[in-house]
Amino acid sequence: MCRQGPVALPRADTRVVGKTGRMLARLLGGWAVRSYPFGMSQTTPAEPGEPTRYGYIDAVRGWAILGVIAVHTSYHSAPLPEPVWQVVSRGNYGVQLFFVASAVTLLFSYEARRNRDARPVRAFFVRRFFRIAPLLYLGIPFYLWWYGCGPRPMAPDGVGWVDVVATVCFANGWRPEQINAVVPGVWSVAAEVSFYLLAPVLFSLARTPRQAATLFAAAWALAVAVRHGGVAAALFPAATPFTVNALGIFWFPNQLPVFLLGVLTYHLIRTPREAGVGYLCLAAAVVASDAVPLAYTGPVFYGALAALFVLGLSTGPYPLLDNRVTRSIGVVSFAGYVSHFAVIDVVRDALGSSASYPAAYYGPGRAGAWFPEPLVSIAGLDPVAQYAVMLAAVVAGTVAVSAVLHAAVERPGIGAGRWLLKRLRWQ
């Protein structure tokens, strides 16, 4: 057994969400209620033998996927007024919110199992593989069919079997023509898996808030050096400027500091009395990344804000942000991340959006053949109204598709991982 299991967080809330939350849950067909039937506490009952599930982390993931959907939907809508676009575009950094939440969750889980599993590191990798791979491996053939294999900005020579194999092996995040070519948004999966590979070592090096802050500072310095030293361009001189720039932004060296902010956040939650250095580090990250023009600081700036958001929700209750709806969306957020690109294509063509840029970016997708004429045209609406209609339809469609994928693919995949661990006696 563990020396010390997951620590209960302060101010745990046992109150049920108000009328608005229950109404939205009913609109989701009761699925949200089934996902969180025990009321809105900071921790929720886990499956037998599993670590405590921290419900507010699911809410964080829910907001993260909503931000990503919001910005990606805007690319398929009429151009928004600048003030609105400045808000919507920040949804790009929902991925950094995912990364921070992932690091926090992994540390809680890893620490809970470290002294219980017979082979904790091996078991960690098996669990991570079966959490990510089944859905990604479904997404690869789907998007090859959906968008085809022709040339596109992220794959100037088209998509070939080498690109597919690299994506299957999670190695696509290290080459400019592969990092985001086969499955839209797959760069973040590559970064996540790269973090998994280093996680046991990083966790052992960051056992206190001070150690985590030091490791974050070192990783940020490395990211700045790599980004502004032109390392990506030097490694791949034949690549297009577009793909090299994308690699420099998306690849793991530039995202590692964000994961380490998640490690720091975990320690701030676990040891609030020792959190002074951690909060100072987060404040310095926000100020420095906003003030120093030298660094490409978007990931760190929004990663630090994401860390503060997670810390805030951990001290809830905050029913407006952390409720059954946001938690339930968070439970299926990975399925939503993989599927929402196709859902956006369907909504765009079904509603006759006036946007054309996204079709040139990845390809028109199969939805255009399904809707030679829009079911209901929104092209004549005010840009903000057009966007609002599209966003509502995309969120609803993504939640519906994701609930099915979660039940049919993700949960069986996680179950297969548990079965394998028992067979190998690593758990």
Foldseek 3Di string as FASTA:
>chain_A
DAPDAFDQFAPWDQAAFDPVQVVVCVVLVVLLCVVPVRGRTQWDDDDPPAGIHGLVLLLLLLVLLLLLLQLVLCLLFDPDPPVVNVVSNLSVLSLLLVLLSVLLVLVNRLNNCVVPFQASLVLLVLLVCLQPQFLVVVLQVVQCQFQNFPAFLQANHTDDPVLVVCLNVLNQLQALSRCQARFHPSLSVSLVVVCSVCVVVQCVQPVALVSLLVVLVVLCVQLLCCLLVLVLCVVCVPDDPSSSNVSNCRHNSNQVSLNSLSVSLNNCRVCVVRCPVVVVSLVCQLVCLVPDPSGPNSSSNVSSVSSVVSSVVSNDDDCVSRHSVSSLSSVLSVLLVRPLVVLSLLLSLQQVHPRDVVCRRRHSTPNCVVRVDHVHHPNPPDRVVRSVVSSVSSVSVSSVSSVVCCVPTNVVSSVVSVVVCVVVSRD
